[in-house]
């Protein structure tokens, strides 16, 4: 986990540039971001969450962690519900098999017939990030860490990543971009940071050396944060939008901006 640091106000929302189409059947990704610092716990209604999610909210977490968790999971349900043709409270989740051991603690998925959308959720600092696609997808957002964190964590990364971070003078921004790409990819394949962090190259200098079969891109986000998305296959259009606070505070499901549910 990257140590949080207070950031500055978010920039105006802007779309992520689509990756070049170098192969057949590219997959589009919808990305949604929300500002956490515009909300408080009392603004949220947990009624749409399931028993496990409500128990997590009731756990002895820091207030900021509860707020991020609540916002992220309410928003995710409200984004998935119209795609599944159900109410937000009726969205059911399951765990896919872990690619490492086969146990059912791998990538989260919706409990629905084949063809249901894939999703990924991340939150850190003042930002919640959600990705939805027709193929396995992973997203990650992190606050820009302190320099001490960079020196400590970079040592366990891939040799190529370590070299790039060193050439950048161990700049926190350079480290955060690498870390987000790596975690987005590991979440996408369903194993997370249980996989050795020095095994896969997700650096900037040689994109061709990144893991095969996956497209990984940086995502524009709020100042003081870095973000990335990874999707199985060839990346098509990445549609990135900021959701208003009212999307998670309204008592009924709110239609997402631009007419996309």
C-alpha atoms as a PDB file:
ATOM      1  CA  UNK A   1       0.000   0.000   0.000  1.00  0.00           C
ATOM      2  CA  UNK A   2       1.361   3.407  -0.963  1.00  0.00           C
ATOM      3  CA  UNK A   3       1.265   5.973   1.813  1.00  0.00           C
ATOM      4  CA  UNK A   4      -1.389   8.627   1.276  1.00  0.00           C
ATOM      5  CA  UNK A   5      -0.420  12.278   0.934  1.00  0.00           C
ATOM      6  CA  UNK A   6      -2.792  15.226   0.716  1.00  0.00           C
ATOM      7  CA  UNK A   7      -3.359  16.346  -2.866  1.00  0.00           C
ATOM      8  CA  UNK A   8      -4.627  19.445  -4.643  1.00  0.00           C
ATOM      9  CA  UNK A   9      -8.039  19.975  -6.292  1.00  0.00           C
ATOM     10  CA  UNK A  10      -8.853  17.754  -9.268  1.00  0.00           C
ATOM     11  CA  UNK A  11      -8.422  18.984 -12.837  1.00  0.00           C
ATOM     12  CA  UNK A  12     -11.353  19.321 -15.164  1.00  0.00           C
ATOM     13  CA  UNK A  13     -12.490  15.909 -16.447  1.00  0.00           C
ATOM     14  CA  UNK A  14     -10.897  14.960 -19.750  1.00  0.00           C
ATOM     15  CA  UNK A  15     -11.100  11.756 -21.829  1.00  0.00           C
ATOM     16  CA  UNK A  16      -8.236   9.301 -21.982  1.00  0.00           C
ATOM     17  CA  UNK A  17      -6.752   9.029 -25.453  1.00  0.00           C
ATOM     18  CA  UNK A  18      -7.521   5.677 -27.133  1.00  0.00           C
ATOM     19  CA  UNK A  19      -4.624   3.292 -27.678  1.00  0.00           C
ATOM     20  CA  UNK A  20      -3.613   2.491 -31.258  1.00  0.00           C
ATOM     21  CA  UNK A  21      -5.612  -0.323 -32.776  1.00  0.00           C
ATOM     22  CA  UNK A  22      -2.923  -2.903 -33.556  1.00  0.00           C
ATOM     23  CA  UNK A  23      -5.038  -6.042 -33.547  1.00  0.00           C
ATOM     24  CA  UNK A  24      -8.478  -7.528 -34.087  1.00  0.00           C
ATOM     25  CA  UNK A  25     -11.465  -7.093 -31.801  1.00  0.00           C
ATOM     26  CA  UNK A  26     -10.231  -4.316 -29.528  1.00  0.00           C
ATOM     27  CA  UNK A  27     -12.091  -3.938 -26.247  1.00  0.00           C
ATOM     28  CA  UNK A  28     -13.437  -0.597 -25.029  1.00  0.00           C
ATOM     29  CA  UNK A  29     -13.191   0.358 -21.359  1.00  0.00           C
ATOM     30  CA  UNK A  30     -15.447   2.714 -19.401  1.00  0.00           C
ATOM     31  CA  UNK A  31     -13.685   4.455 -16.525  1.00  0.00           C
ATOM     32  CA  UNK A  32     -15.505   6.402 -13.833  1.00  0.00           C
ATOM     33  CA  UNK A  33     -13.879   8.555 -11.132  1.00  0.00           C
ATOM     34  CA  UNK A  34     -15.330  10.270  -8.061  1.00  0.00           C
ATOM     35  CA  UNK A  35     -13.883  12.761  -5.611  1.00  0.00           C
ATOM     36  CA  UNK A  36     -13.978  11.459  -2.044  1.00  0.00           C
ATOM     37  CA  UNK A  37     -13.198  14.769  -0.349  1.00  0.00           C
ATOM     38  CA  UNK A  38     -16.524  16.233  -1.537  1.00  0.00           C
ATOM     39  CA  UNK A  39     -18.497  13.770   0.621  1.00  0.00           C
ATOM     40  CA  UNK A  40     -18.959  12.630   4.226  1.00  0.00           C
ATOM     41  CA  UNK A  41     -20.059   9.291   5.690  1.00  0.00           C
ATOM     42  CA  UNK A  42     -23.469  10.645   6.608  1.00  0.00           C
ATOM     43  CA  UNK A  43     -24.067  11.478   2.927  1.00  0.00           C
ATOM     44  CA  UNK A  44     -24.110   7.790   2.039  1.00  0.00           C
ATOM     45  CA  UNK A  45     -27.023   5.374   2.269  1.00  0.00           C
ATOM     46  CA  UNK A  46     -25.738   1.787   2.657  1.00  0.00           C
ATOM     47  CA  UNK A  47     -29.167   0.249   1.941  1.00  0.00           C
ATOM     48  CA  UNK A  48     -28.078  -0.957  -1.518  1.00  0.00           C
ATOM     49  CA  UNK A  49     -25.035  -2.797  -0.144  1.00  0.00           C
ATOM     50  CA  UNK A  50     -25.109  -6.488   0.745  1.00  0.00           C
ATOM     51  CA  UNK A  51     -24.476  -7.928   4.215  1.00  0.00           C
ATOM     52  CA  UNK A  52     -20.764  -8.451   3.619  1.00  0.00           C
ATOM     53  CA  UNK A  53     -20.281  -4.870   2.422  1.00  0.00           C
ATOM     54  CA  UNK A  54     -22.244  -3.430   5.341  1.00  0.00           C
ATOM     55  CA  UNK A  55     -20.172  -5.517   7.755  1.00  0.00           C
ATOM     56  CA  UNK A  56     -17.020  -4.097   6.193  1.00  0.00           C
ATOM     57  CA  UNK A  57     -18.346  -0.577   6.696  1.00  0.00           C
ATOM     58  CA  UNK A  58     -19.079  -1.391  10.351  1.00  0.00           C
ATOM     59  CA  UNK A  59     -15.527  -2.680  10.931  1.00  0.00           C
ATOM     60  CA  UNK A  60     -13.084  -0.543  12.936  1.00  0.00           C
ATOM     61  CA  UNK A  61     -11.599   1.202   9.914  1.00  0.00           C
ATOM     62  CA  UNK A  62     -10.341   4.763   9.691  1.00  0.00           C
ATOM     63  CA  UNK A  63     -13.124   7.165   8.731  1.00  0.00           C
ATOM     64  CA  UNK A  64     -11.373   7.950   5.432  1.00  0.00           C
ATOM     65  CA  UNK A  65     -11.136   4.240   4.592  1.00  0.00           C
ATOM     66  CA  UNK A  66     -14.826   3.672   5.352  1.00  0.00           C
ATOM     67  CA  UNK A  67     -15.766   6.649   3.201  1.00  0.00           C
ATOM     68  CA  UNK A  68     -13.713   5.465   0.224  1.00  0.00           C
ATOM     69  CA  UNK A  69     -15.068   1.934   0.573  1.00  0.00           C
ATOM     70  CA  UNK A  70     -18.680   3.067   0.833  1.00  0.00           C
ATOM     71  CA  UNK A  71     -18.467   5.472  -2.103  1.00  0.00           C
ATOM     72  CA  UNK A  72     -16.710   2.917  -4.294  1.00  0.00           C
ATOM     73  CA  UNK A  73     -19.113   0.065  -3.641  1.00  0.00           C
ATOM     74  CA  UNK A  74     -22.291   2.143  -3.935  1.00  0.00           C
ATOM     75  CA  UNK A  75     -21.053   3.650  -7.211  1.00  0.00           C
ATOM     76  CA  UNK A  76     -20.031   0.243  -8.563  1.00  0.00           C
ATOM     77  CA  UNK A  77     -23.478  -1.221  -7.895  1.00  0.00           C
ATOM     78  CA  UNK A  78     -25.184   1.750  -9.547  1.00  0.00           C
ATOM     79  CA  UNK A  79     -22.974   1.456 -12.625  1.00  0.00           C
ATOM     80  CA  UNK A  80     -23.383  -2.313 -12.976  1.00  0.00           C
ATOM     81  CA  UNK A  81     -27.147  -2.499 -12.258  1.00  0.00           C
ATOM     82  CA  UNK A  82     -28.457  -1.146 -15.603  1.00  0.00           C
ATOM     83  CA  UNK A  83     -25.985  -3.327 -17.503  1.00  0.00           C
ATOM     84  CA  UNK A  84     -27.359  -6.382 -15.705  1.00  0.00           C
ATOM     85  CA  UNK A  85     -31.014  -5.305 -15.784  1.00  0.00           C
ATOM     86  CA  UNK A  86     -31.402  -5.408 -11.995  1.00  0.00           C
ATOM     87  CA  UNK A  87     -31.632  -2.961  -9.103  1.00  0.00           C
ATOM     88  CA  UNK A  88     -28.347  -1.957  -7.446  1.00  0.00           C
ATOM     89  CA  UNK A  89     -29.173  -3.961  -4.312  1.00  0.00           C
ATOM     90  CA  UNK A  90     -29.665  -7.068  -6.472  1.00  0.00           C
ATOM     91  CA  UNK A  91     -26.162  -7.063  -7.966  1.00  0.00           C
ATOM     92  CA  UNK A  92     -24.501 -10.243  -6.663  1.00  0.00           C
ATOM     93  CA  UNK A  93     -20.762 -10.924  -6.631  1.00  0.00           C
ATOM     94  CA  UNK A  94     -18.569 -13.984  -6.683  1.00  0.00           C
ATOM     95  CA  UNK A  95     -14.845 -14.731  -6.768  1.00  0.00           C
ATOM     96  CA  UNK A  96     -13.181 -16.348  -9.758  1.00  0.00           C
ATOM     97  CA  UNK A  97     -10.522 -19.057  -9.300  1.00  0.00           C
ATOM     98  CA  UNK A  98      -7.102 -17.730  -8.343  1.00  0.00           C
ATOM     99  CA  UNK A  99      -4.698 -18.221 -11.284  1.00  0.00           C
ATOM    100  CA  UNK A 100      -2.003 -19.178  -8.794  1.00  0.00           C
ATOM    101  CA  UNK A 101      -3.685 -21.837  -6.626  1.00  0.00           C
ATOM    102  CA  UNK A 102      -7.156 -22.339  -8.097  1.00  0.00           C
ATOM    103  CA  UNK A 103      -8.983 -21.376  -4.887  1.00  0.00           C
ATOM    104  CA  UNK A 104     -11.996 -19.055  -5.146  1.00  0.00           C
ATOM    105  CA  UNK A 105     -10.246 -15.885  -4.045  1.00  0.00           C
ATOM    106  CA  UNK A 106      -9.282 -14.513  -7.440  1.00  0.00           C
ATOM    107  CA  UNK A 107     -10.693 -11.576  -9.394  1.00  0.00           C
ATOM    108  CA  UNK A 108     -14.163 -10.421  -8.208  1.00  0.00           C
ATOM    109  CA  UNK A 109     -16.952 -10.861 -10.753  1.00  0.00           C
ATOM    110  CA  UNK A 110     -20.712 -10.495 -10.980  1.00  0.00           C
ATOM    111  CA  UNK A 111     -22.864 -13.556 -10.349  1.00  0.00           C
ATOM    112  CA  UNK A 112     -24.574 -13.495 -13.734  1.00  0.00           C
ATOM    113  CA  UNK A 113     -24.845 -15.459 -16.990  1.00  0.00           C
ATOM    114  CA  UNK A 114     -21.924 -15.512 -19.446  1.00  0.00           C
ATOM    115  CA  UNK A 115     -21.402 -12.198 -21.166  1.00  0.00           C
ATOM    116  CA  UNK A 116     -21.771 -10.114 -18.009  1.00  0.00           C
ATOM    117  CA  UNK A 117     -19.390  -7.152 -17.806  1.00  0.00           C
ATOM    118  CA  UNK A 118     -16.055  -7.377 -16.028  1.00  0.00           C
ATOM    119  CA  UNK A 119     -15.150  -4.692 -13.512  1.00  0.00           C
ATOM    120  CA  UNK A 120     -12.406  -3.411 -11.241  1.00  0.00           C
ATOM    121  CA  UNK A 121     -12.485  -0.955  -8.344  1.00  0.00           C
ATOM    122  CA  UNK A 122      -9.711   1.038  -6.683  1.00  0.00           C
ATOM    123  CA  UNK A 123      -9.580   3.931  -4.233  1.00  0.00           C
ATOM    124  CA  UNK A 124      -6.826   5.966  -2.619  1.00  0.00           C
ATOM    125  CA  UNK A 125      -6.520   9.434  -1.177  1.00  0.00           C
ATOM    126  CA  UNK A 126      -9.306  11.582  -2.585  1.00  0.00           C
ATOM    127  CA  UNK A 127     -10.203   9.454  -5.632  1.00  0.00           C
ATOM    128  CA  UNK A 128     -12.317   6.375  -6.361  1.00  0.00           C
ATOM    129  CA  UNK A 129     -11.702   4.725  -9.766  1.00  0.00           C
ATOM    130  CA  UNK A 130     -13.963   2.102 -11.397  1.00  0.00           C
ATOM    131  CA  UNK A 131     -13.359   0.272 -14.682  1.00  0.00           C
ATOM    132  CA  UNK A 132     -15.952  -1.747 -16.633  1.00  0.00           C
ATOM    133  CA  UNK A 133     -15.234  -3.727 -19.815  1.00  0.00           C
ATOM    134  CA  UNK A 134     -16.313  -6.759 -21.820  1.00  0.00           C
ATOM    135  CA  UNK A 135     -13.047  -8.536 -20.947  1.00  0.00           C
ATOM    136  CA  UNK A 136     -11.054  -8.905 -17.707  1.00  0.00           C
ATOM    137  CA  UNK A 137      -9.975  -5.473 -16.530  1.00  0.00           C
ATOM    138  CA  UNK A 138      -7.926  -4.049 -13.682  1.00  0.00           C
ATOM    139  CA  UNK A 139      -7.627  -0.468 -12.448  1.00  0.00           C
ATOM    140  CA  UNK A 140      -5.516   1.181  -9.790  1.00  0.00           C
ATOM    141  CA  UNK A 141      -5.294   4.688  -8.355  1.00  0.00           C
ATOM    142  CA  UNK A 142      -2.750   5.765  -5.751  1.00  0.00           C
ATOM    143  CA  UNK A 143      -1.729   8.968  -4.072  1.00  0.00           C
ATOM    144  CA  UNK A 144       1.756  10.153  -4.953  1.00  0.00           C
ATOM    145  CA  UNK A 145       3.930   8.749  -2.137  1.00  0.00           C
ATOM    146  CA  UNK A 146       6.634  10.326  -0.035  1.00  0.00           C
ATOM    147  CA  UNK A 147      10.232   9.878  -1.247  1.00  0.00           C
ATOM    148  CA  UNK A 148      11.027   7.484   1.601  1.00  0.00           C
ATOM    149  CA  UNK A 149       8.301   5.135   0.368  1.00  0.00           C
ATOM    150  CA  UNK A 150       9.762   5.193  -3.143  1.00  0.00           C
ATOM    151  CA  UNK A 151      13.200   4.073  -1.941  1.00  0.00           C
ATOM    152  CA  UNK A 152      11.698   1.370   0.252  1.00  0.00           C
ATOM    153  CA  UNK A 153       9.234  -0.173  -2.216  1.00  0.00           C
ATOM    154  CA  UNK A 154      11.143   0.293  -5.490  1.00  0.00           C
ATOM    155  CA  UNK A 155      13.716  -2.219  -4.294  1.00  0.00           C
ATOM    156  CA  UNK A 156      11.247  -5.102  -4.757  1.00  0.00           C
ATOM    157  CA  UNK A 157      10.193  -4.180  -8.317  1.00  0.00           C
ATOM    158  CA  UNK A 158      11.357  -5.596 -11.654  1.00  0.00           C
ATOM    159  CA  UNK A 159      15.010  -4.709 -12.455  1.00  0.00           C
ATOM    160  CA  UNK A 160      13.923  -2.700 -15.493  1.00  0.00           C
ATOM    161  CA  UNK A 161      11.436  -0.738 -13.406  1.00  0.00           C
ATOM    162  CA  UNK A 162      14.027  -0.095 -10.715  1.00  0.00           C
ATOM    163  CA  UNK A 163      16.437   1.251 -13.331  1.00  0.00           C
ATOM    164  CA  UNK A 164      13.813   3.612 -14.769  1.00  0.00           C
ATOM    165  CA  UNK A 165      12.861   4.930 -11.332  1.00  0.00           C
ATOM    166  CA  UNK A 166      16.539   5.454 -10.488  1.00  0.00           C
ATOM    167  CA  UNK A 167      17.115   7.365 -13.743  1.00  0.00           C
ATOM    168  CA  UNK A 168      14.162   9.571 -12.778  1.00  0.00           C
ATOM    169  CA  UNK A 169      15.933  10.416  -9.514  1.00  0.00           C
ATOM    170  CA  UNK A 170      13.437   8.291  -7.540  1.00  0.00           C
ATOM    171  CA  UNK A 171      10.794  10.893  -8.312  1.00  0.00           C
ATOM    172  CA  UNK A 172       7.565   9.900  -6.505  1.00  0.00           C
ATOM    173  CA  UNK A 173       5.504  10.601  -9.637  1.00  0.00           C
ATOM    174  CA  UNK A 174       7.599   8.194 -11.740  1.00  0.00           C
ATOM    175  CA  UNK A 175       7.347   5.486  -9.108  1.00  0.00           C
ATOM    176  CA  UNK A 176       3.576   5.940  -8.732  1.00  0.00           C
ATOM    177  CA  UNK A 177       2.994   5.517 -12.467  1.00  0.00           C
ATOM    178  CA  UNK A 178       4.931   2.239 -12.497  1.00  0.00           C
ATOM    179  CA  UNK A 179       3.195   1.002  -9.360  1.00  0.00           C
ATOM    180  CA  UNK A 180      -0.294   1.761 -10.714  1.00  0.00           C
ATOM    181  CA  UNK A 181       0.385  -0.004 -14.004  1.00  0.00           C
ATOM    182  CA  UNK A 182       1.704  -3.038 -12.141  1.00  0.00           C
ATOM    183  CA  UNK A 183      -1.175  -3.247  -9.696  1.00  0.00           C
ATOM    184  CA  UNK A 184      -3.774  -2.709 -12.440  1.00  0.00           C
ATOM    185  CA  UNK A 185      -2.258  -5.617 -14.380  1.00  0.00           C
ATOM    186  CA  UNK A 186      -2.041  -7.900 -11.327  1.00  0.00           C
ATOM    187  CA  UNK A 187      -5.660  -7.125 -10.428  1.00  0.00           C
ATOM    188  CA  UNK A 188      -6.667  -7.780 -14.025  1.00  0.00           C
ATOM    189  CA  UNK A 189      -5.142 -11.263 -14.068  1.00  0.00           C
ATOM    190  CA  UNK A 190      -6.761 -11.925 -10.699  1.00  0.00           C
ATOM    191  CA  UNK A 191      -3.771 -12.619  -8.468  1.00  0.00           C
ATOM    192  CA  UNK A 192      -2.932  -9.189  -7.058  1.00  0.00           C
ATOM    193  CA  UNK A 193       0.287  -8.467  -5.189  1.00  0.00           C
ATOM    194  CA  UNK A 194       0.540 -12.124  -4.118  1.00  0.00           C
ATOM    195  CA  UNK A 195       2.542 -12.462  -7.358  1.00  0.00           C
ATOM    196  CA  UNK A 196       6.242 -11.505  -6.948  1.00  0.00           C
ATOM    197  CA  UNK A 197       6.553  -7.814  -7.775  1.00  0.00           C
ATOM    198  CA  UNK A 198       9.833  -8.323  -9.644  1.00  0.00           C
ATOM    199  CA  UNK A 199       8.366 -10.855 -12.076  1.00  0.00           C
ATOM    200  CA  UNK A 200       6.568  -8.574 -14.569  1.00  0.00           C
ATOM    201  CA  UNK A 201       7.840  -5.452 -16.309  1.00  0.00           C
ATOM    202  CA  UNK A 202       5.325  -2.588 -16.437  1.00  0.00           C
ATOM    203  CA  UNK A 203       7.745   0.257 -17.043  1.00  0.00           C
ATOM    204  CA  UNK A 204       7.630   3.096 -19.577  1.00  0.00           C
ATOM    205  CA  UNK A 205      10.830   2.668 -21.623  1.00  0.00           C
ATOM    206  CA  UNK A 206       9.970  -0.582 -23.395  1.00  0.00           C
ATOM    207  CA  UNK A 207       6.211  -1.263 -23.692  1.00  0.00           C
ATOM    208  CA  UNK A 208       6.987  -4.303 -25.872  1.00  0.00           C
ATOM    209  CA  UNK A 209       8.544  -5.982 -22.814  1.00  0.00           C
ATOM    210  CA  UNK A 210       5.290  -5.804 -20.850  1.00  0.00           C
ATOM    211  CA  UNK A 211       3.288  -9.011 -20.291  1.00  0.00           C
ATOM    212  CA  UNK A 212       1.770 -10.418 -23.461  1.00  0.00           C
ATOM    213  CA  UNK A 213      -1.967 -10.513 -24.005  1.00  0.00           C
ATOM    214  CA  UNK A 214      -2.652  -7.386 -21.970  1.00  0.00           C
ATOM    215  CA  UNK A 215      -2.852  -3.679 -22.743  1.00  0.00           C
ATOM    216  CA  UNK A 216      -1.846  -1.315 -19.933  1.00  0.00           C
ATOM    217  CA  UNK A 217      -2.248   2.470 -20.012  1.00  0.00           C
ATOM    218  CA  UNK A 218      -1.884   5.428 -17.654  1.00  0.00           C
ATOM    219  CA  UNK A 219      -5.126   7.220 -16.772  1.00  0.00           C
ATOM    220  CA  UNK A 220      -5.451  10.997 -16.233  1.00  0.00           C
ATOM    221  CA  UNK A 221      -6.684  11.654 -12.708  1.00  0.00           C
ATOM    222  CA  UNK A 222      -6.641  14.251  -9.928  1.00  0.00           C
ATOM    223  CA  UNK A 223      -3.427  16.079  -9.109  1.00  0.00           C
ATOM    224  CA  UNK A 224      -1.442  14.318  -6.422  1.00  0.00           C
ATOM    225  CA  UNK A 225      -2.549  10.901  -7.688  1.00  0.00           C
ATOM    226  CA  UNK A 226      -1.561   8.431 -10.406  1.00  0.00           C
ATOM    227  CA  UNK A 227      -3.827   5.864 -12.065  1.00  0.00           C
ATOM    228  CA  UNK A 228      -3.733   3.094 -14.649  1.00  0.00           C
ATOM    229  CA  UNK A 229      -5.959   0.575 -16.430  1.00  0.00           C
ATOM    230  CA  UNK A 230      -5.144  -2.903 -17.749  1.00  0.00           C
ATOM    231  CA  UNK A 231      -7.381  -4.977 -20.022  1.00  0.00           C
ATOM    232  CA  UNK A 232      -7.049  -8.438 -21.508  1.00  0.00           C
ATOM    233  CA  UNK A 233      -6.489  -8.263 -25.258  1.00  0.00           C
ATOM    234  CA  UNK A 234      -6.170  -5.195 -27.456  1.00  0.00           C
ATOM    235  CA  UNK A 235      -7.299  -1.886 -26.034  1.00  0.00           C
ATOM    236  CA  UNK A 236      -9.912   0.061 -27.976  1.00  0.00           C
ATOM    237  CA  UNK A 237     -11.450   3.321 -26.766  1.00  0.00           C
ATOM    238  CA  UNK A 238     -11.010   4.339 -23.129  1.00  0.00           C
ATOM    239  CA  UNK A 239     -13.966   6.518 -22.090  1.00  0.00           C
ATOM    240  CA  UNK A 240     -13.129   8.323 -18.861  1.00  0.00           C
ATOM    241  CA  UNK A 241     -15.627  10.456 -16.910  1.00  0.00           C
ATOM    242  CA  UNK A 242     -15.937  12.064 -13.488  1.00  0.00           C
ATOM    243  CA  UNK A 243     -19.148  11.280 -11.625  1.00  0.00           C
ATOM    244  CA  UNK A 244     -20.864  13.968  -9.537  1.00  0.00           C
ATOM    245  CA  UNK A 245     -21.199  13.477  -5.781  1.00  0.00           C
ATOM    246  CA  UNK A 246     -24.958  13.111  -6.254  1.00  0.00           C
ATOM    247  CA  UNK A 247     -24.391   9.804  -8.040  1.00  0.00           C
ATOM    248  CA  UNK A 248     -23.756   8.080  -4.696  1.00  0.00           C
ATOM    249  CA  UNK A 249     -25.922  10.246  -2.441  1.00  0.00           C
ATOM    250  CA  UNK A 250     -29.241  10.167  -4.337  1.00  0.00           C
ATOM    251  CA  UNK A 251     -31.836   7.788  -2.921  1.00  0.00           C
ATOM    252  CA  UNK A 252     -32.599   6.308  -6.348  1.00  0.00           C
ATOM    253  CA  UNK A 253     -30.322   5.124  -9.111  1.00  0.00           C
ATOM    254  CA  UNK A 254     -28.870   8.041 -11.061  1.00  0.00           C
ATOM    255  CA  UNK A 255     -28.148   7.846 -14.781  1.00  0.00           C
ATOM    256  CA  UNK A 256     -24.468   8.296 -15.485  1.00  0.00           C
ATOM    257  CA  UNK A 257     -23.314  11.354 -17.460  1.00  0.00           C
ATOM    258  CA  UNK A 258     -23.393  11.324 -21.269  1.00  0.00           C
ATOM    259  CA  UNK A 259     -26.338   8.922 -21.250  1.00  0.00           C
ATOM    260  CA  UNK A 260     -24.154   5.906 -20.463  1.00  0.00           C
ATOM    261  CA  UNK A 261     -25.683   3.833 -17.652  1.00  0.00           C
END
